PDB file of all heavy atoms in Angstrom:
ATOM      1  N   LYS A   1     -36.538 -46.852  27.688  1.00  0.00           N
ATOM      2  CA  LYS A   1     -37.536 -45.749  27.538  1.00  0.00           C
ATOM      3  C   LYS A   1     -38.946 -46.209  27.673  1.00  0.00           C
ATOM      4  O   LYS A   1     -39.788 -45.424  28.184  1.00  0.00           O
ATOM      5  CB  LYS A   1     -37.320 -45.124  26.143  1.00  0.00           C
ATOM      6  CG  LYS A   1     -37.559 -46.100  24.999  1.00  0.00           C
ATOM      7  CD  LYS A   1     -37.342 -45.437  23.627  1.00  0.00           C
ATOM      8  CE  LYS A   1     -37.585 -46.380  22.441  1.00  0.00           C
ATOM      9  NZ  LYS A   1     -38.984 -46.858  22.487  1.00  0.00           N
ATOM     10  N   SER A   2     -39.314 -47.395  27.321  1.00  0.00           N
ATOM     11  CA  SER A   2     -40.804 -47.861  27.543  1.00  0.00           C
ATOM     12  C   SER A   2     -40.955 -48.004  29.015  1.00  0.00           C
ATOM     13  O   SER A   2     -42.068 -47.790  29.528  1.00  0.00           O
ATOM     14  CB  SER A   2     -40.916 -49.287  26.791  1.00  0.00           C
ATOM     15  OG  SER A   2     -40.885 -49.004  25.459  1.00  0.00           O
ATOM     16  N   THR A   3     -39.920 -48.516  29.726  1.00  0.00           N
ATOM     17  CA  THR A   3     -40.169 -48.614  31.242  1.00  0.00           C
ATOM     18  C   THR A   3     -40.284 -47.153  31.853  1.00  0.00           C
ATOM     19  O   THR A   3     -41.148 -46.948  32.762  1.00  0.00           O
ATOM     20  CB  THR A   3     -38.915 -49.238  31.857  1.00  0.00           C
ATOM     21  OG1 THR A   3     -38.628 -50.546  31.280  1.00  0.00           O
ATOM     22  CG2 THR A   3     -38.996 -49.395  33.380  1.00  0.00           C
ATOM     23  N   MET A   4     -39.564 -46.234  31.292  1.00  0.00           N
ATOM     24  CA  MET A   4     -39.715 -44.860  31.832  1.00  0.00           C
ATOM     25  C   MET A   4     -41.080 -44.290  31.428  1.00  0.00           C
ATOM     26  O   MET A   4     -41.642 -43.597  32.201  1.00  0.00           O
ATOM     27  CB  MET A   4     -38.546 -43.956  31.160  1.00  0.00           C
ATOM     28  CG  MET A   4     -38.703 -42.480  31.638  1.00  0.00           C
ATOM     29  SD  MET A   4     -37.419 -41.427  30.999  1.00  0.00           S
ATOM     30  CE  MET A   4     -35.987 -42.127  31.967  1.00  0.00           C
ATOM     31  N   PHE A   5     -41.495 -44.514  30.209  1.00  0.00           N
ATOM     32  CA  PHE A   5     -42.832 -44.156  29.718  1.00  0.00           C
ATOM     33  C   PHE A   5     -43.899 -44.675  30.674  1.00  0.00           C
ATOM     34  O   PHE A   5     -44.786 -43.925  31.121  1.00  0.00           O
ATOM     35  CB  PHE A   5     -43.038 -44.636  28.370  1.00  0.00           C
ATOM     36  CG  PHE A   5     -44.472 -44.408  27.790  1.00  0.00           C
ATOM     37  CD1 PHE A   5     -44.754 -43.127  27.274  1.00  0.00           C
ATOM     38  CD2 PHE A   5     -45.407 -45.401  27.743  1.00  0.00           C
ATOM     39  CE1 PHE A   5     -46.034 -42.921  26.779  1.00  0.00           C
ATOM     40  CE2 PHE A   5     -46.691 -45.203  27.297  1.00  0.00           C
ATOM     41  CZ  PHE A   5     -46.999 -43.919  26.766  1.00  0.00           C
ATOM     42  N   ASN A   6     -43.827 -45.991  31.071  1.00  0.00           N
ATOM     43  CA  ASN A   6     -44.840 -46.480  31.903  1.00  0.00           C
ATOM     44  C   ASN A   6     -44.767 -46.007  33.331  1.00  0.00           C
ATOM     45  O   ASN A   6     -45.726 -45.768  33.972  1.00  0.00           O
ATOM     46  CB  ASN A   6     -44.672 -48.143  31.946  1.00  0.00           C
ATOM     47  CG  ASN A   6     -44.966 -48.676  30.630  1.00  0.00           C
ATOM     48  OD1 ASN A   6     -45.804 -48.242  29.879  1.00  0.00           O
ATOM     49  ND2 ASN A   6     -44.367 -49.842  30.439  1.00  0.00           N
ATOM     50  N   ALA A   7     -43.417 -45.692  33.781  1.00  0.00           N
ATOM     51  CA  ALA A   7     -43.275 -45.122  35.132  1.00  0.00           C
ATOM     52  C   ALA A   7     -43.879 -43.724  35.290  1.00  0.00           C
ATOM     53  O   ALA A   7     -44.499 -43.330  36.191  1.00  0.00           O
ATOM     54  CB  ALA A   7     -41.870 -45.083  35.494  1.00  0.00           C
ATOM     55  N   LEU A   8     -43.631 -42.836  34.126  1.00  0.00           N
ATOM     56  CA  LEU A   8     -44.183 -41.529  34.196  1.00  0.00           C
ATOM     57  C   LEU A   8     -45.691 -41.524  34.131  1.00  0.00           C
ATOM     58  O   LEU A   8     -46.417 -40.760  34.702  1.00  0.00           O
ATOM     59  CB  LEU A   8     -43.600 -40.738  32.954  1.00  0.00           C
ATOM     60  CG  LEU A   8     -42.230 -40.372  33.106  1.00  0.00           C
ATOM     61  CD1 LEU A   8     -41.707 -39.732  31.767  1.00  0.00           C
ATOM     62  CD2 LEU A   8     -41.960 -39.331  34.285  1.00  0.00           C
ATOM     63  N   ALA A   9     -46.265 -42.598  33.340  1.00  0.00           N
ATOM     64  CA  ALA A   9     -47.683 -42.678  33.266  1.00  0.00           C
ATOM     65  C   ALA A   9     -48.296 -43.333  34.429  1.00  0.00           C
ATOM     66  O   ALA A   9     -49.518 -43.155  34.716  1.00  0.00           O
ATOM     67  CB  ALA A   9     -48.027 -43.603  31.964  1.00  0.00           C
ATOM     68  N   GLY A  10     -47.472 -44.019  35.314  1.00  0.00           N
ATOM     69  CA  GLY A  10     -47.971 -44.707  36.514  1.00  0.00           C
ATOM     70  C   GLY A  10     -48.811 -45.920  36.078  1.00  0.00           C
ATOM     71  O   GLY A  10     -49.698 -46.334  36.916  1.00  0.00           O
ATOM     72  N   MET A  11     -48.693 -46.499  34.920  1.00  0.00           N
ATOM     73  CA  MET A  11     -49.374 -47.594  34.541  1.00  0.00           C
ATOM     74  C   MET A  11     -48.645 -48.306  33.359  1.00  0.00           C
ATOM     75  O   MET A  11     -47.873 -47.644  32.646  1.00  0.00           O
ATOM     76  CB  MET A  11     -50.817 -47.235  34.177  1.00  0.00           C
ATOM     77  CG  MET A  11     -50.877 -46.216  33.007  1.00  0.00           C
ATOM     78  SD  MET A  11     -52.484 -45.420  32.707  1.00  0.00           S
ATOM     79  CE  MET A  11     -53.424 -46.883  32.231  1.00  0.00           C
ATOM     80  N   THR A  12     -48.847 -49.585  33.270  1.00  0.00           N
ATOM     81  CA  THR A  12     -48.202 -50.325  32.103  1.00  0.00           C
ATOM     82  C   THR A  12     -48.981 -50.050  30.846  1.00  0.00           C
ATOM     83  O   THR A  12     -50.071 -50.601  30.636  1.00  0.00           O
ATOM     84  CB  THR A  12     -48.044 -51.802  32.459  1.00  0.00           C
ATOM     85  OG1 THR A  12     -47.366 -51.837  33.590  1.00  0.00           O
ATOM     86  CG2 THR A  12     -47.357 -52.551  31.373  1.00  0.00           C
ATOM     87  N   ILE A  13     -48.301 -49.419  29.903  1.00  0.00           N
ATOM     88  CA  ILE A  13     -49.024 -49.103  28.565  1.00  0.00           C
ATOM     89  C   ILE A  13     -48.221 -49.752  27.496  1.00  0.00           C
ATOM     90  O   ILE A  13     -48.689 -50.598  26.730  1.00  0.00           O
ATOM     91  CB  ILE A  13     -49.172 -47.648  28.399  1.00  0.00           C
ATOM     92  CG1 ILE A  13     -50.106 -47.065  29.471  1.00  0.00           C
ATOM     93  CG2 ILE A  13     -49.757 -47.363  27.035  1.00  0.00           C
ATOM     94  CD1 ILE A  13     -50.312 -45.475  29.442  1.00  0.00           C
ATOM     95  N   SER A  14     -46.877 -49.365  27.441  1.00  0.00           N
ATOM     96  CA  SER A  14     -46.092 -49.752  26.446  1.00  0.00           C
ATOM     97  C   SER A  14     -45.365 -51.027  26.877  1.00  0.00           C
ATOM     98  O   SER A  14     -44.804 -51.269  27.865  1.00  0.00           O
ATOM     99  CB  SER A  14     -44.992 -48.662  26.115  1.00  0.00           C
ATOM    100  OG  SER A  14     -44.175 -49.089  24.988  1.00  0.00           O
ATOM    101  N   PRO A  15     -45.368 -52.051  25.885  1.00  0.00           N
ATOM    102  CA  PRO A  15     -44.703 -53.401  26.293  1.00  0.00           C
ATOM    103  C   PRO A  15     -43.240 -53.259  26.550  1.00  0.00           C
ATOM    104  O   PRO A  15     -42.486 -52.434  25.880  1.00  0.00           O
ATOM    105  CB  PRO A  15     -44.922 -54.206  25.151  1.00  0.00           C
ATOM    106  CG  PRO A  15     -45.103 -53.307  23.944  1.00  0.00           C
ATOM    107  CD  PRO A  15     -45.854 -51.984  24.562  1.00  0.00           C
ATOM    108  N   VAL A  16     -42.710 -53.971  27.527  1.00  0.00           N
ATOM    109  CA  VAL A  16     -41.325 -53.992  27.982  1.00  0.00           C
ATOM    110  C   VAL A  16     -40.756 -55.433  27.807  1.00  0.00           C
ATOM    111  O   VAL A  16     -41.421 -56.231  28.181  1.00  0.00           O
ATOM    112  CB  VAL A  16     -41.146 -53.510  29.334  1.00  0.00           C
ATOM    113  CG1 VAL A  16     -39.667 -53.533  29.798  1.00  0.00           C
ATOM    114  CG2 VAL A  16     -41.795 -52.119  29.558  1.00  0.00           C
ATOM    115  N   GLY A  17     -39.698 -55.439  27.199  1.00  0.00           N
ATOM    116  CA  GLY A  17     -39.029 -56.757  26.972  1.00  0.00           C
ATOM    117  C   GLY A  17     -37.566 -56.632  26.515  1.00  0.00           C
ATOM    118  O   GLY A  17     -37.028 -55.628  26.501  1.00  0.00           O
ATOM    119  N   VAL A  18     -37.012 -57.772  26.156  1.00  0.00           N
ATOM    120  CA  VAL A  18     -35.589 -57.834  25.799  1.00  0.00           C
ATOM    121  C   VAL A  18     -35.478 -58.108  24.244  1.00  0.00           C
ATOM    122  O   VAL A  18     -34.309 -58.087  23.706  1.00  0.00           O
ATOM    123  CB  VAL A  18     -34.858 -58.827  26.529  1.00  0.00           C
ATOM    124  CG1 VAL A  18     -34.780 -58.519  27.944  1.00  0.00           C
ATOM    125  CG2 VAL A  18     -35.496 -60.246  26.368  1.00  0.00           C
ATOM    126  N   ARG A  19     -36.633 -58.426  23.543  1.00  0.00           N
ATOM    127  CA  ARG A  19     -36.391 -58.819  22.210  1.00  0.00           C
ATOM    128  C   ARG A  19     -36.216 -57.486  21.350  1.00  0.00           C
ATOM    129  O   ARG A  19     -36.626 -56.481  21.781  1.00  0.00           O
ATOM    130  CB  ARG A  19     -37.730 -59.591  21.729  1.00  0.00           C
ATOM    131  CG  ARG A  19     -39.019 -58.742  21.807  1.00  0.00           C
ATOM    132  CD  ARG A  19     -40.203 -59.631  21.498  1.00  0.00           C
ATOM    133  NE  ARG A  19     -41.508 -58.931  21.664  1.00  0.00           N
ATOM    134  CZ  ARG A  19     -41.982 -58.160  20.746  1.00  0.00           C
ATOM    135  NH1 ARG A  19     -41.395 -57.946  19.581  1.00  0.00           N
ATOM    136  NH2 ARG A  19     -43.179 -57.457  20.945  1.00  0.00           N
ATOM    137  N   ARG A  20     -35.736 -57.651  20.122  1.00  0.00           N
ATOM    138  CA  ARG A  20     -35.530 -56.463  19.266  1.00  0.00           C
ATOM    139  C   ARG A  20     -36.436 -56.588  18.006  1.00  0.00           C
ATOM    140  O   ARG A  20     -36.431 -57.667  17.373  1.00  0.00           O
ATOM    141  CB  ARG A  20     -34.080 -56.463  18.800  1.00  0.00           C
ATOM    142  CG  ARG A  20     -33.052 -56.149  19.748  1.00  0.00           C
ATOM    143  CD  ARG A  20     -31.650 -56.296  19.384  1.00  0.00           C
ATOM    144  NE  ARG A  20     -31.387 -55.391  18.213  1.00  0.00           N
ATOM    145  CZ  ARG A  20     -30.931 -54.221  18.346  1.00  0.00           C
ATOM    146  NH1 ARG A  20     -30.631 -53.709  19.507  1.00  0.00           N
ATOM    147  NH2 ARG A  20     -30.686 -53.444  17.291  1.00  0.00           N
ATOM    148  N   PRO A  21     -37.076 -55.472  17.812  1.00  0.00           N
ATOM    149  CA  PRO A  21     -37.304 -54.290  18.592  1.00  0.00           C
ATOM    150  C   PRO A  21     -38.297 -54.529  19.632  1.00  0.00           C
ATOM    151  O   PRO A  21     -39.312 -55.163  19.543  1.00  0.00           O
ATOM    152  CB  PRO A  21     -37.751 -53.186  17.597  1.00  0.00           C
ATOM    153  CG  PRO A  21     -38.544 -53.988  16.567  1.00  0.00           C
ATOM    154  CD  PRO A  21     -37.929 -55.365  16.548  1.00  0.00           C
ATOM    155  N   THR A  22     -38.111 -53.860  20.752  1.00  0.00           N
ATOM    156  CA  THR A  22     -39.134 -53.890  21.788  1.00  0.00           C
ATOM    157  C   THR A  22     -40.337 -53.187  21.499  1.00  0.00           C
ATOM    158  O   THR A  22     -41.405 -53.661  21.648  1.00  0.00           O
ATOM    159  CB  THR A  22     -38.477 -53.313  23.247  1.00  0.00           C
ATOM    160  OG1 THR A  22     -37.231 -54.015  23.456  1.00  0.00           O
ATOM    161  CG2 THR A  22     -39.424 -53.500  24.319  1.00  0.00           C
ATOM    162  N   THR A  23     -40.172 -51.844  21.105  1.00  0.00           N
ATOM    163  CA  THR A  23     -41.429 -50.996  20.945  1.00  0.00           C
ATOM    164  C   THR A  23     -41.497 -50.987  19.350  1.00  0.00           C
ATOM    165  O   THR A  23     -40.706 -50.507  18.646  1.00  0.00           O
ATOM    166  CB  THR A  23     -41.199 -49.591  21.408  1.00  0.00           C
ATOM    167  OG1 THR A  23     -40.759 -49.649  22.775  1.00  0.00           O
ATOM    168  CG2 THR A  23     -42.400 -48.824  21.202  1.00  0.00           C
ATOM    169  N   SER A  24     -42.663 -51.558  18.809  1.00  0.00           N
ATOM    170  CA  SER A  24     -42.832 -51.638  17.456  1.00  0.00           C
ATOM    171  C   SER A  24     -43.764 -50.541  16.907  1.00  0.00           C
ATOM    172  O   SER A  24     -43.768 -50.489  15.564  1.00  0.00           O
ATOM    173  CB  SER A  24     -43.484 -52.986  17.131  1.00  0.00           C
ATOM    174  OG  SER A  24     -44.692 -53.171  17.664  1.00  0.00           O
ATOM    175  N   GLY A  25     -44.275 -49.813  17.720  1.00  0.00           N
ATOM    176  CA  GLY A  25     -45.125 -48.683  17.234  1.00  0.00           C
ATOM    177  C   GLY A  25     -45.267 -47.651  18.399  1.00  0.00           C
ATOM    178  O   GLY A  25     -44.836 -47.840  19.504  1.00  0.00           O
ATOM    179  N   VAL A  26     -45.828 -46.446  17.976  1.00  0.00           N
ATOM    180  CA  VAL A  26     -45.928 -45.422  18.991  1.00  0.00           C
ATOM    181  C   VAL A  26     -47.163 -45.713  19.890  1.00  0.00           C
ATOM    182  O   VAL A  26     -48.214 -46.158  19.402  1.00  0.00           O
ATOM    183  CB  VAL A  26     -46.122 -44.094  18.244  1.00  0.00           C
ATOM    184  CG1 VAL A  26     -47.362 -44.088  17.342  1.00  0.00           C
ATOM    185  CG2 VAL A  26     -46.102 -42.925  19.219  1.00  0.00           C
ATOM    186  N   TYR A  27     -46.915 -45.364  21.106  1.00  0.00           N
ATOM    187  CA  TYR A  27     -48.018 -45.366  22.150  1.00  0.00           C
ATOM    188  C   TYR A  27     -48.142 -43.980  22.771  1.00  0.00           C
ATOM    189  O   TYR A  27     -47.148 -43.205  22.817  1.00  0.00           O
ATOM    190  CB  TYR A  27     -47.569 -46.367  23.263  1.00  0.00           C
ATOM    191  CG  TYR A  27     -47.668 -47.791  22.917  1.00  0.00           C
ATOM    192  CD1 TYR A  27     -46.593 -48.420  22.227  1.00  0.00           C
ATOM    193  CD2 TYR A  27     -48.797 -48.566  23.123  1.00  0.00           C
ATOM    194  CE1 TYR A  27     -46.706 -49.810  21.763  1.00  0.00           C
ATOM    195  CE2 TYR A  27     -48.968 -49.901  22.711  1.00  0.00           C
ATOM    196  CZ  TYR A  27     -47.832 -50.509  22.116  1.00  0.00           C
ATOM    197  OH  TYR A  27     -47.860 -51.855  21.741  1.00  0.00           O
ATOM    198  N   ALA A  28     -49.485 -43.697  23.142  1.00  0.00           N
ATOM    199  CA  ALA A  28     -49.622 -42.293  23.645  1.00  0.00           C
ATOM    200  C   ALA A  28     -50.393 -42.364  24.999  1.00  0.00           C
ATOM    201  O   ALA A  28     -51.375 -43.290  25.076  1.00  0.00           O
ATOM    202  CB  ALA A  28     -50.555 -41.559  22.655  1.00  0.00           C
ATOM    203  N   CYS A  29     -50.082 -41.630  25.846  1.00  0.00           N
ATOM    204  CA  CYS A  29     -50.741 -41.463  27.165  1.00  0.00           C
ATOM    205  C   CYS A  29     -51.147 -40.003  27.333  1.00  0.00           C
ATOM    206  O   CYS A  29     -50.308 -39.124  27.280  1.00  0.00           O
ATOM    207  CB  CYS A  29     -49.838 -41.891  28.280  1.00  0.00           C
ATOM    208  SG  CYS A  29     -50.624 -41.866  29.958  1.00  0.00           S
ATOM    209  N   VAL A  30     -52.398 -39.732  27.560  1.00  0.00           N
ATOM    210  CA  VAL A  30     -53.036 -38.501  27.615  1.00  0.00           C
ATOM    211  C   VAL A  30     -53.395 -38.133  28.986  1.00  0.00           C
ATOM    212  O   VAL A  30     -54.144 -38.908  29.712  1.00  0.00           O
ATOM    213  CB  VAL A  30     -54.226 -38.289  26.668  1.00  0.00           C
ATOM    214  CG1 VAL A  30     -54.857 -36.850  26.689  1.00  0.00           C
ATOM    215  CG2 VAL A  30     -53.809 -38.656  25.199  1.00  0.00           C
ATOM    216  N   TRP A  31     -53.002 -36.930  29.506  1.00  0.00           N
ATOM    217  CA  TRP A  31     -53.499 -36.420  30.808  1.00  0.00           C
ATOM    218  C   TRP A  31     -54.510 -35.406  30.422  1.00  0.00           C
ATOM    219  O   TRP A  31     -54.269 -34.331  29.714  1.00  0.00           O
ATOM    220  CB  TRP A  31     -52.273 -35.722  31.479  1.00  0.00           C
ATOM    221  CG  TRP A  31     -51.519 -36.589  32.231  1.00  0.00           C
ATOM    222  CD1 TRP A  31     -51.494 -36.807  33.617  1.00  0.00           C
ATOM    223  CD2 TRP A  31     -50.441 -37.478  31.865  1.00  0.00           C
ATOM    224  NE1 TRP A  31     -50.592 -37.747  34.028  1.00  0.00           N
ATOM    225  CE2 TRP A  31     -49.883 -38.153  32.989  1.00  0.00           C
ATOM    226  CE3 TRP A  31     -49.921 -37.790  30.603  1.00  0.00           C
ATOM    227  CZ2 TRP A  31     -48.890 -39.059  32.794  1.00  0.00           C
ATOM    228  CZ3 TRP A  31     -48.930 -38.670  30.519  1.00  0.00           C
ATOM    229  CH2 TRP A  31     -48.367 -39.322  31.573  1.00  0.00           C
ATOM    230  N   GLY A  32     -55.780 -35.722  30.774  1.00  0.00           N
ATOM    231  CA  GLY A  32     -56.896 -34.868  30.488  1.00  0.00           C
ATOM    232  C   GLY A  32     -57.864 -35.566  29.626  1.00  0.00           C
ATOM    233  O   GLY A  32     -57.837 -36.787  29.394  1.00  0.00           O
ATOM    234  N   SER A  33     -58.748 -34.797  28.896  1.00  0.00           N
ATOM    235  CA  SER A  33     -59.748 -35.398  28.027  1.00  0.00           C
ATOM    236  C   SER A  33     -59.131 -36.001  26.834  1.00  0.00           C
ATOM    237  O   SER A  33     -58.464 -35.249  26.086  1.00  0.00           O
ATOM    238  CB  SER A  33     -60.778 -34.286  27.684  1.00  0.00           C
ATOM    239  OG  SER A  33     -61.699 -34.747  26.830  1.00  0.00           O
ATOM    240  N   PRO A  34     -59.372 -37.233  26.583  1.00  0.00           N
ATOM    241  CA  PRO A  34     -58.991 -37.813  25.338  1.00  0.00           C
ATOM    242  C   PRO A  34     -59.648 -37.229  24.067  1.00  0.00           C
ATOM    243  O   PRO A  34     -59.063 -37.353  23.033  1.00  0.00           O
ATOM    244  CB  PRO A  34     -59.256 -39.394  25.557  1.00  0.00           C
ATOM    245  CG  PRO A  34     -60.357 -39.421  26.526  1.00  0.00           C
ATOM    246  CD  PRO A  34     -60.123 -38.287  27.400  1.00  0.00           C
ATOM    247  N   THR A  35     -60.868 -36.892  24.206  1.00  0.00           N
ATOM    248  CA  THR A  35     -61.627 -36.266  23.141  1.00  0.00           C
ATOM    249  C   THR A  35     -61.016 -34.944  22.653  1.00  0.00           C
ATOM    250  O   THR A  35     -60.766 -34.686  21.470  1.00  0.00           O
ATOM    251  CB  THR A  35     -62.987 -35.956  23.521  1.00  0.00           C
ATOM    252  OG1 THR A  35     -63.685 -37.193  23.853  1.00  0.00           O
ATOM    253  CG2 THR A  35     -63.873 -35.426  22.262  1.00  0.00           C
ATOM    254  N   ASP A  36     -60.505 -34.159  23.759  1.00  0.00           N
ATOM    255  CA  ASP A  36     -59.917 -32.885  23.325  1.00  0.00           C
ATOM    256  C   ASP A  36     -58.574 -33.069  22.739  1.00  0.00           C
ATOM    257  O   ASP A  36     -58.072 -32.275  21.870  1.00  0.00           O
ATOM    258  CB  ASP A  36     -59.785 -31.999  24.688  1.00  0.00           C
ATOM    259  CG  ASP A  36     -61.052 -31.547  25.237  1.00  0.00           C
ATOM    260  OD1 ASP A  36     -62.096 -31.542  24.398  1.00  0.00           O
ATOM    261  OD2 ASP A  36     -61.098 -31.207  26.362  1.00  0.00           O
ATOM    262  N   ALA A  37     -57.982 -34.143  23.092  1.00  0.00           N
ATOM    263  CA  ALA A  37     -56.520 -34.396  22.571  1.00  0.00           C
ATOM    264  C   ALA A  37     -56.645 -35.107  21.257  1.00  0.00           C
ATOM    265  O   ALA A  37     -55.496 -35.204  20.475  1.00  0.00           O
ATOM    266  CB  ALA A  37     -55.717 -35.169  23.581  1.00  0.00           C
ATOM    267  N   ALA A  38     -57.761 -35.615  20.772  1.00  0.00           N
ATOM    268  CA  ALA A  38     -57.814 -36.436  19.599  1.00  0.00           C
ATOM    269  C   ALA A  38     -57.424 -35.771  18.343  1.00  0.00           C
ATOM    270  O   ALA A  38     -56.628 -36.379  17.531  1.00  0.00           O
ATOM    271  CB  ALA A  38     -59.340 -36.848  19.423  1.00  0.00           C
ATOM    272  N   PRO A  39     -57.690 -34.455  18.076  1.00  0.00           N
ATOM    273  CA  PRO A  39     -57.119 -33.808  16.890  1.00  0.00           C
ATOM    274  C   PRO A  39     -55.634 -33.774  16.938  1.00  0.00           C
ATOM    275  O   PRO A  39     -55.091 -33.971  15.762  1.00  0.00           O
ATOM    276  CB  PRO A  39     -57.821 -32.300  16.945  1.00  0.00           C
ATOM    277  CG  PRO A  39     -58.905 -32.527  17.706  1.00  0.00           C
ATOM    278  CD  PRO A  39     -58.687 -33.578  18.787  1.00  0.00           C
ATOM    279  N   VAL A  40     -55.049 -33.592  17.952  1.00  0.00           N
ATOM    280  CA  VAL A  40     -53.550 -33.475  18.059  1.00  0.00           C
ATOM    281  C   VAL A  40     -53.000 -34.785  17.773  1.00  0.00           C
ATOM    282  O   VAL A  40     -52.020 -35.072  16.961  1.00  0.00           O
ATOM    283  CB  VAL A  40     -53.025 -32.958  19.424  1.00  0.00           C
ATOM    284  CG1 VAL A  40     -51.537 -33.012  19.470  1.00  0.00           C
ATOM    285  CG2 VAL A  40     -53.498 -31.450  19.595  1.00  0.00           C
ATOM    286  N   LEU A  41     -53.603 -35.866  18.364  1.00  0.00           N
ATOM    287  CA  LEU A  41     -53.090 -37.263  18.116  1.00  0.00           C
ATOM    288  C   LEU A  41     -53.358 -37.658  16.767  1.00  0.00           C
ATOM    289  O   LEU A  41     -52.541 -38.497  16.191  1.00  0.00           O
ATOM    290  CB  LEU A  41     -53.828 -38.194  19.141  1.00  0.00           C
ATOM    291  CG  LEU A  41     -53.451 -38.086  20.621  1.00  0.00           C
ATOM    292  CD1 LEU A  41     -54.391 -38.859  21.517  1.00  0.00           C
ATOM    293  CD2 LEU A  41     -52.059 -38.509  20.797  1.00  0.00           C
ATOM    294  N   ASP A  42     -54.489 -37.265  16.138  1.00  0.00           N
ATOM    295  CA  ASP A  42     -54.685 -37.664  14.721  1.00  0.00           C
ATOM    296  C   ASP A  42     -53.568 -36.963  13.799  1.00  0.00           C
ATOM    297  O   ASP A  42     -53.027 -37.721  12.891  1.00  0.00           O
ATOM    298  CB  ASP A  42     -56.056 -37.096  14.259  1.00  0.00           C
ATOM    299  CG  ASP A  42     -57.205 -37.897  14.834  1.00  0.00           C
ATOM    300  OD1 ASP A  42     -56.933 -38.988  15.310  1.00  0.00           O
ATOM    301  OD2 ASP A  42     -58.323 -37.333  14.884  1.00  0.00           O
TER     302      ASP A  42
END
């Protein structure tokens, strides 16, 4: 899922690996103004 996340984003954001757990926290990629999306992300 992290590889898919990065592929959809077109950039490496979420770490990818084989250790457990791979994703230790939530990562967000925003299309558009990050300022406008800040209240939703908060």
